[in-house]
Amino acid sequence: SYLEKEEDAIIKAEIESEINSRIKQCPRC
């Protein structure tokens, strides 16, 4: 059931946005 379930909605949009844009967030600054 775990493997068949839909992808967890854990900030997918944020990750894709970060990869595709020219801006990257430094966790520190």
PDB file of all heavy atoms in Angstrom:
ATOM      1  N   SER A   1       0.831  -1.210   0.000  1.00  0.00           N
ATOM      2  CA  SER A   1       0.000   0.000   0.000  1.00  0.00           C
ATOM      3  C   SER A   1       0.863   1.256   0.000  1.00  0.00           C
ATOM      4  O   SER A   1       0.554   2.248  -0.675  1.00  0.00           O
ATOM      5  CB  SER A   1      -0.920   0.009   1.228  1.00  0.00           C
ATOM      6  OG  SER A   1      -1.780  -1.111   1.225  1.00  0.00           O
ATOM      7  N   TYR A   2       1.950   1.203   0.761  1.00  0.00           N
ATOM      8  CA  TYR A   2       2.870   2.342   0.876  1.00  0.00           C
ATOM      9  C   TYR A   2       3.485   2.680  -0.474  1.00  0.00           C
ATOM     10  O   TYR A   2       3.568   3.847  -0.864  1.00  0.00           O
ATOM     11  CB  TYR A   2       3.951   1.982   1.895  1.00  0.00           C
ATOM     12  CG  TYR A   2       5.093   2.952   2.008  1.00  0.00           C
ATOM     13  CD1 TYR A   2       4.960   4.146   2.716  1.00  0.00           C
ATOM     14  CD2 TYR A   2       6.334   2.674   1.430  1.00  0.00           C
ATOM     15  CE1 TYR A   2       6.023   5.029   2.838  1.00  0.00           C
ATOM     16  CE2 TYR A   2       7.395   3.549   1.553  1.00  0.00           C
ATOM     17  CZ  TYR A   2       7.235   4.718   2.257  1.00  0.00           C
ATOM     18  OH  TYR A   2       8.287   5.586   2.373  1.00  0.00           O
ATOM     19  N   LEU A   3       3.915   1.647  -1.225  1.00  0.00           N
ATOM     20  CA  LEU A   3       4.562   1.873  -2.514  1.00  0.00           C
ATOM     21  C   LEU A   3       3.556   2.271  -3.594  1.00  0.00           C
ATOM     22  O   LEU A   3       3.916   2.940  -4.566  1.00  0.00           O
ATOM     23  CB  LEU A   3       5.320   0.618  -2.954  1.00  0.00           C
ATOM     24  CG  LEU A   3       6.545   0.241  -2.118  1.00  0.00           C
ATOM     25  CD1 LEU A   3       7.145  -1.067  -2.615  1.00  0.00           C
ATOM     26  CD2 LEU A   3       7.607   1.339  -2.172  1.00  0.00           C
ATOM     27  N   GLU A   4       2.308   1.867  -3.426  1.00  0.00           N
ATOM     28  CA  GLU A   4       1.290   2.164  -4.430  1.00  0.00           C
ATOM     29  C   GLU A   4       0.659   3.551  -4.263  1.00  0.00           C
ATOM     30  O   GLU A   4       0.014   4.057  -5.171  1.00  0.00           O
ATOM     31  CB  GLU A   4       0.181   1.102  -4.386  1.00  0.00           C
ATOM     32  CG  GLU A   4       0.610  -0.246  -4.965  1.00  0.00           C
ATOM     33  CD  GLU A   4      -0.500  -1.291  -4.865  1.00  0.00           C
ATOM     34  OE1 GLU A   4      -1.353  -1.152  -3.958  1.00  0.00           O
ATOM     35  OE2 GLU A   4      -0.490  -2.228  -5.682  1.00  0.00           O
ATOM     36  N   LYS A   5       0.848   4.140  -3.096  1.00  0.00           N
ATOM     37  CA  LYS A   5       0.178   5.415  -2.834  1.00  0.00           C
ATOM     38  C   LYS A   5       0.750   6.538  -3.687  1.00  0.00           C
ATOM     39  O   LYS A   5       1.851   6.445  -4.222  1.00  0.00           O
ATOM     40  CB  LYS A   5       0.280   5.783  -1.355  1.00  0.00           C
ATOM     41  CG  LYS A   5       1.663   6.271  -0.946  1.00  0.00           C
ATOM     42  CD  LYS A   5       1.686   6.658   0.517  1.00  0.00           C
ATOM     43  CE  LYS A   5       3.055   7.204   0.914  1.00  0.00           C
ATOM     44  NZ  LYS A   5       3.113   7.596   2.317  1.00  0.00           N
ATOM     45  N   GLU A   6      -0.014   7.590  -3.797  1.00  0.00           N
ATOM     46  CA  GLU A   6       0.413   8.755  -4.572  1.00  0.00           C
ATOM     47  C   GLU A   6       1.612   9.411  -3.903  1.00  0.00           C
ATOM     48  O   GLU A   6       1.815   9.307  -2.701  1.00  0.00           O
ATOM     49  CB  GLU A   6      -0.731   9.774  -4.668  1.00  0.00           C
ATOM     50  CG  GLU A   6      -1.915   9.315  -5.494  1.00  0.00           C
ATOM     51  CD  GLU A   6      -1.562   9.112  -6.946  1.00  0.00           C
ATOM     52  OE1 GLU A   6      -0.732   9.891  -7.461  1.00  0.00           O
ATOM     53  OE2 GLU A   6      -2.105   8.176  -7.550  1.00  0.00           O
ATOM     54  N   GLU A   7       2.385  10.124  -4.668  1.00  0.00           N
ATOM     55  CA  GLU A   7       3.573  10.814  -4.142  1.00  0.00           C
ATOM     56  C   GLU A   7       3.180  11.776  -3.036  1.00  0.00           C
ATOM     57  O   GLU A   7       2.216  12.523  -3.149  1.00  0.00           O
ATOM     58  CB  GLU A   7       4.260  11.584  -5.266  1.00  0.00           C
ATOM     59  CG  GLU A   7       5.474  12.362  -4.800  1.00  0.00           C
ATOM     60  CD  GLU A   7       6.186  13.045  -5.944  1.00  0.00           C
ATOM     61  OE1 GLU A   7       5.799  12.800  -7.083  1.00  0.00           O
ATOM     62  OE2 GLU A   7       7.100  13.818  -5.675  1.00  0.00           O
ATOM     63  N   ASP A   8       3.921  11.705  -1.960  1.00  0.00           N
ATOM     64  CA  ASP A   8       3.653  12.587  -0.829  1.00  0.00           C
ATOM     65  C   ASP A   8       3.850  14.045  -1.244  1.00  0.00           C
ATOM     66  O   ASP A   8       4.775  14.380  -1.978  1.00  0.00           O
ATOM     67  CB  ASP A   8       4.622  12.260   0.315  1.00  0.00           C
ATOM     68  CG  ASP A   8       4.174  12.842   1.631  1.00  0.00           C
ATOM     69  OD1 ASP A   8       4.257  14.062   1.783  1.00  0.00           O
ATOM     70  OD2 ASP A   8       3.755  12.067   2.489  1.00  0.00           O
ATOM     71  N   ALA A   9       2.932  14.902  -0.780  1.00  0.00           N
ATOM     72  CA  ALA A   9       2.965  16.316  -1.181  1.00  0.00           C
ATOM     73  C   ALA A   9       3.965  17.109  -0.366  1.00  0.00           C
ATOM     74  O   ALA A   9       3.663  18.163   0.154  1.00  0.00           O
ATOM     75  CB  ALA A   9       1.583  16.928  -1.002  1.00  0.00           C
ATOM     76  N   ILE A  10       5.215  16.640  -0.284  1.00  0.00           N
ATOM     77  CA  ILE A  10       6.221  17.320   0.539  1.00  0.00           C
ATOM     78  C   ILE A  10       7.005  18.309  -0.317  1.00  0.00           C
ATOM     79  O   ILE A  10       7.939  17.946  -1.007  1.00  0.00           O
ATOM     80  CB  ILE A  10       7.156  16.312   1.218  1.00  0.00           C
ATOM     81  CG1 ILE A  10       8.170  17.022   2.065  1.00  0.00           C
ATOM     82  CG2 ILE A  10       7.805  15.380   0.247  1.00  0.00           C
ATOM     83  CD1 ILE A  10       9.018  16.125   2.918  1.00  0.00           C
ATOM     84  N   ILE A  11       6.536  19.517  -0.331  1.00  0.00           N
ATOM     85  CA  ILE A  11       7.160  20.676  -0.978  1.00  0.00           C
ATOM     86  C   ILE A  11       7.758  20.366  -2.367  1.00  0.00           C
ATOM     87  O   ILE A  11       8.829  20.861  -2.725  1.00  0.00           O
ATOM     88  CB  ILE A  11       8.240  21.315  -0.066  1.00  0.00           C
ATOM     89  CG1 ILE A  11       9.270  20.342   0.516  1.00  0.00           C
ATOM     90  CG2 ILE A  11       7.600  22.021   1.080  1.00  0.00           C
ATOM     91  CD1 ILE A  11      10.382  19.936  -0.346  1.00  0.00           C
ATOM     92  N   LYS A  12       7.046  19.569  -3.160  1.00  0.00           N
ATOM     93  CA  LYS A  12       7.519  19.244  -4.506  1.00  0.00           C
ATOM     94  C   LYS A  12       7.669  20.508  -5.350  1.00  0.00           C
ATOM     95  O   LYS A  12       8.642  20.665  -6.093  1.00  0.00           O
ATOM     96  CB  LYS A  12       6.552  18.269  -5.176  1.00  0.00           C
ATOM     97  CG  LYS A  12       6.983  17.850  -6.589  1.00  0.00           C
ATOM     98  CD  LYS A  12       5.945  16.947  -7.218  1.00  0.00           C
ATOM     99  CE  LYS A  12       6.344  16.607  -8.644  1.00  0.00           C
ATOM    100  NZ  LYS A  12       5.316  15.780  -9.319  1.00  0.00           N
ATOM    101  N   ALA A  13       6.693  21.398  -5.238  1.00  0.00           N
ATOM    102  CA  ALA A  13       6.725  22.629  -6.031  1.00  0.00           C
ATOM    103  C   ALA A  13       7.949  23.468  -5.694  1.00  0.00           C
ATOM    104  O   ALA A  13       8.571  24.061  -6.575  1.00  0.00           O
ATOM    105  CB  ALA A  13       5.459  23.437  -5.786  1.00  0.00           C
ATOM    106  N   GLU A  14       8.290  23.512  -4.394  1.00  0.00           N
ATOM    107  CA  GLU A  14       9.455  24.303  -3.982  1.00  0.00           C
ATOM    108  C   GLU A  14      10.737  23.722  -4.561  1.00  0.00           C
ATOM    109  O   GLU A  14      11.612  24.464  -5.017  1.00  0.00           O
ATOM    110  CB  GLU A  14       9.545  24.340  -2.461  1.00  0.00           C
ATOM    111  CG  GLU A  14       8.464  25.169  -1.794  1.00  0.00           C
ATOM    112  CD  GLU A  14       8.641  25.233  -0.292  1.00  0.00           C
ATOM    113  OE1 GLU A  14       9.750  24.942   0.187  1.00  0.00           O
ATOM    114  OE2 GLU A  14       7.671  25.543   0.392  1.00  0.00           O
ATOM    115  N   ILE A  15      10.854  22.410  -4.531  1.00  0.00           N
ATOM    116  CA  ILE A  15      12.070  21.764  -5.032  1.00  0.00           C
ATOM    117  C   ILE A  15      12.222  21.999  -6.535  1.00  0.00           C
ATOM    118  O   ILE A  15      13.292  22.374  -7.016  1.00  0.00           O
ATOM    119  CB  ILE A  15      12.024  20.254  -4.738  1.00  0.00           C
ATOM    120  CG1 ILE A  15      12.047  20.006  -3.234  1.00  0.00           C
ATOM    121  CG2 ILE A  15      13.207  19.536  -5.389  1.00  0.00           C
ATOM    122  CD1 ILE A  15      11.852  18.561  -2.842  1.00  0.00           C
ATOM    123  N   GLU A  16      11.133  21.787  -7.291  1.00  0.00           N
ATOM    124  CA  GLU A  16      11.189  21.977  -8.735  1.00  0.00           C
ATOM    125  C   GLU A  16      11.472  23.433  -9.091  1.00  0.00           C
ATOM    126  O   GLU A  16      12.223  23.722 -10.018  1.00  0.00           O
ATOM    127  CB  GLU A  16       9.871  21.526  -9.367  1.00  0.00           C
ATOM    128  CG  GLU A  16       9.669  20.014  -9.299  1.00  0.00           C
ATOM    129  CD  GLU A  16       8.358  19.582  -9.899  1.00  0.00           C
ATOM    130  OE1 GLU A  16       7.495  20.468 -10.123  1.00  0.00           O
ATOM    131  OE2 GLU A  16       8.195  18.379 -10.138  1.00  0.00           O
ATOM    132  N   SER A  17      10.874  24.344  -8.331  1.00  0.00           N
ATOM    133  CA  SER A  17      11.086  25.764  -8.580  1.00  0.00           C
ATOM    134  C   SER A  17      12.540  26.143  -8.353  1.00  0.00           C
ATOM    135  O   SER A  17      13.136  26.908  -9.113  1.00  0.00           O
ATOM    136  CB  SER A  17      10.172  26.591  -7.666  1.00  0.00           C
ATOM    137  OG  SER A  17      10.450  27.958  -7.803  1.00  0.00           O
ATOM    138  N   GLU A  18      13.122  25.580  -7.289  1.00  0.00           N
ATOM    139  CA  GLU A  18      14.506  25.897  -6.958  1.00  0.00           C
ATOM    140  C   GLU A  18      15.470  25.387  -8.018  1.00  0.00           C
ATOM    141  O   GLU A  18      16.428  26.062  -8.407  1.00  0.00           O
ATOM    142  CB  GLU A  18      14.858  25.276  -5.604  1.00  0.00           C
ATOM    143  CG  GLU A  18      16.287  25.539  -5.176  1.00  0.00           C
ATOM    144  CD  GLU A  18      16.623  24.847  -3.882  1.00  0.00           C
ATOM    145  OE1 GLU A  18      16.044  23.781  -3.618  1.00  0.00           O
ATOM    146  OE2 GLU A  18      17.459  25.364  -3.152  1.00  0.00           O
ATOM    147  N   ILE A  19      15.189  24.189  -8.537  1.00  0.00           N
ATOM    148  CA  ILE A  19      16.068  23.590  -9.539  1.00  0.00           C
ATOM    149  C   ILE A  19      16.026  24.367 -10.844  1.00  0.00           C
ATOM    150  O   ILE A  19      17.053  24.585 -11.496  1.00  0.00           O
ATOM    151  CB  ILE A  19      15.672  22.119  -9.775  1.00  0.00           C
ATOM    152  CG1 ILE A  19      15.958  21.298  -8.513  1.00  0.00           C
ATOM    153  CG2 ILE A  19      16.431  21.527 -10.956  1.00  0.00           C
ATOM    154  CD1 ILE A  19      15.449  19.876  -8.579  1.00  0.00           C
ATOM    155  N   ASN A  20      14.816  24.796 -11.231  1.00  0.00           N
ATOM    156  CA  ASN A  20      14.632  25.432 -12.533  1.00  0.00           C
ATOM    157  C   ASN A  20      14.980  26.926 -12.560  1.00  0.00           C
ATOM    158  O   ASN A  20      15.200  27.490 -13.615  1.00  0.00           O
ATOM    159  CB  ASN A  20      13.175  25.250 -12.991  1.00  0.00           C
ATOM    160  CG  ASN A  20      12.844  23.778 -13.222  1.00  0.00           C
ATOM    161  OD1 ASN A  20      13.711  23.009 -13.612  1.00  0.00           O
ATOM    162  ND2 ASN A  20      11.604  23.391 -12.972  1.00  0.00           N
ATOM    163  N   SER A  21      15.007  27.578 -11.425  1.00  0.00           N
ATOM    164  CA  SER A  21      15.272  29.022 -11.406  1.00  0.00           C
ATOM    165  C   SER A  21      16.769  29.299 -11.309  1.00  0.00           C
ATOM    166  O   SER A  21      17.576  28.412 -11.093  1.00  0.00           O
ATOM    167  CB  SER A  21      14.556  29.663 -10.214  1.00  0.00           C
ATOM    168  OG  SER A  21      15.179  29.264  -9.009  1.00  0.00           O
ATOM    169  N   ARG A  22      17.132  30.564 -11.463  1.00  0.00           N
ATOM    170  CA  ARG A  22      18.533  30.971 -11.343  1.00  0.00           C
ATOM    171  C   ARG A  22      18.891  31.327  -9.914  1.00  0.00           C
ATOM    172  O   ARG A  22      20.037  31.628  -9.610  1.00  0.00           O
ATOM    173  CB  ARG A  22      18.808  32.186 -12.243  1.00  0.00           C
ATOM    174  CG  ARG A  22      18.813  31.902 -13.726  1.00  0.00           C
ATOM    175  CD  ARG A  22      19.808  30.837 -14.113  1.00  0.00           C
ATOM    176  NE  ARG A  22      21.145  31.121 -13.606  1.00  0.00           N
ATOM    177  CZ  ARG A  22      22.085  30.198 -13.474  1.00  0.00           C
ATOM    178  NH1 ARG A  22      21.824  28.943 -13.739  1.00  0.00           N
ATOM    179  NH2 ARG A  22      23.272  30.547 -13.038  1.00  0.00           N
ATOM    180  N   ILE A  23      17.912  31.302  -9.027  1.00  0.00           N
ATOM    181  CA  ILE A  23      18.153  31.655  -7.632  1.00  0.00           C
ATOM    182  C   ILE A  23      18.190  30.398  -6.766  1.00  0.00           C
ATOM    183  O   ILE A  23      17.366  29.508  -6.921  1.00  0.00           O
ATOM    184  CB  ILE A  23      17.051  32.594  -7.097  1.00  0.00           C
ATOM    185  CG1 ILE A  23      16.999  33.881  -7.931  1.00  0.00           C
ATOM    186  CG2 ILE A  23      17.286  32.935  -5.618  1.00  0.00           C
ATOM    187  CD1 ILE A  23      18.284  34.695  -7.901  1.00  0.00           C
ATOM    188  N   LYS A  24      19.159  30.323  -5.898  1.00  0.00           N
ATOM    189  CA  LYS A  24      19.285  29.201  -4.959  1.00  0.00           C
ATOM    190  C   LYS A  24      19.363  29.767  -3.549  1.00  0.00           C
ATOM    191  O   LYS A  24      19.983  30.800  -3.321  1.00  0.00           O
ATOM    192  CB  LYS A  24      20.532  28.376  -5.266  1.00  0.00           C
ATOM    193  CG  LYS A  24      20.763  27.203  -4.312  1.00  0.00           C
ATOM    194  CD  LYS A  24      21.994  26.418  -4.717  1.00  0.00           C
ATOM    195  CE  LYS A  24      22.344  25.359  -3.683  1.00  0.00           C
ATOM    196  NZ  LYS A  24      21.352  24.268  -3.629  1.00  0.00           N
ATOM    197  N   GLN A  25      18.727  29.077  -2.614  1.00  0.00           N
ATOM    198  CA  GLN A  25      18.720  29.562  -1.236  1.00  0.00           C
ATOM    199  C   GLN A  25      19.847  28.923  -0.441  1.00  0.00           C
ATOM    200  O   GLN A  25      19.972  27.703  -0.363  1.00  0.00           O
ATOM    201  CB  GLN A  25      17.389  29.246  -0.556  1.00  0.00           C
ATOM    202  CG  GLN A  25      17.299  29.847   0.847  1.00  0.00           C
ATOM    203  CD  GLN A  25      16.001  29.503   1.532  1.00  0.00           C
ATOM    204  OE1 GLN A  25      15.614  28.349   1.595  1.00  0.00           O
ATOM    205  NE2 GLN A  25      15.316  30.514   2.044  1.00  0.00           N
ATOM    206  N   CYS A  26      20.670  29.779   0.148  1.00  0.00           N
ATOM    207  CA  CYS A  26      21.683  29.317   1.092  1.00  0.00           C
ATOM    208  C   CYS A  26      20.987  29.212   2.455  1.00  0.00           C
ATOM    209  O   CYS A  26      20.371  30.181   2.898  1.00  0.00           O
ATOM    210  CB  CYS A  26      22.846  30.306   1.170  1.00  0.00           C
ATOM    211  SG  CYS A  26      24.048  29.930   2.476  1.00  0.00           S
ATOM    212  N   PRO A  27      21.049  28.057   3.122  1.00  0.00           N
ATOM    213  CA  PRO A  27      20.359  27.890   4.410  1.00  0.00           C
ATOM    214  C   PRO A  27      20.811  28.877   5.479  1.00  0.00           C
ATOM    215  O   PRO A  27      20.127  29.091   6.464  1.00  0.00           O
ATOM    216  CB  PRO A  27      20.719  26.460   4.818  1.00  0.00           C
ATOM    217  CG  PRO A  27      21.110  25.777   3.557  1.00  0.00           C
ATOM    218  CD  PRO A  27      21.747  26.833   2.719  1.00  0.00           C
ATOM    219  N   ARG A  28      21.959  29.533   5.211  1.00  0.00           N
ATOM    220  CA  ARG A  28      22.553  30.393   6.236  1.00  0.00           C
ATOM    221  C   ARG A  28      22.318  31.876   5.985  1.00  0.00           C
ATOM    222  O   ARG A  28      22.102  32.646   6.916  1.00  0.00           O
ATOM    223  CB  ARG A  28      24.054  30.117   6.290  1.00  0.00           C
ATOM    224  CG  ARG A  28      24.723  30.513   7.583  1.00  0.00           C
ATOM    225  CD  ARG A  28      25.969  29.663   7.763  1.00  0.00           C
ATOM    226  NE  ARG A  28      26.711  30.103   8.921  1.00  0.00           N
ATOM    227  CZ  ARG A  28      27.724  30.955   8.865  1.00  0.00           C
ATOM    228  NH1 ARG A  28      28.092  31.456   7.713  1.00  0.00           N
ATOM    229  NH2 ARG A  28      28.357  31.303   9.963  1.00  0.00           N
ATOM    230  N   CYS A  29      22.342  32.298   4.710  1.00  0.00           N
ATOM    231  CA  CYS A  29      22.245  33.742   4.442  1.00  0.00           C
ATOM    232  C   CYS A  29      21.120  34.112   3.488  1.00  0.00           C
ATOM    233  O   CYS A  29      20.902  35.297   3.221  1.00  0.00           O
ATOM    234  CB  CYS A  29      23.576  34.268   3.917  1.00  0.00           C
ATOM    235  SG  CYS A  29      24.028  33.633   2.289  1.00  0.00           S
TER     236      CYS A  29
END
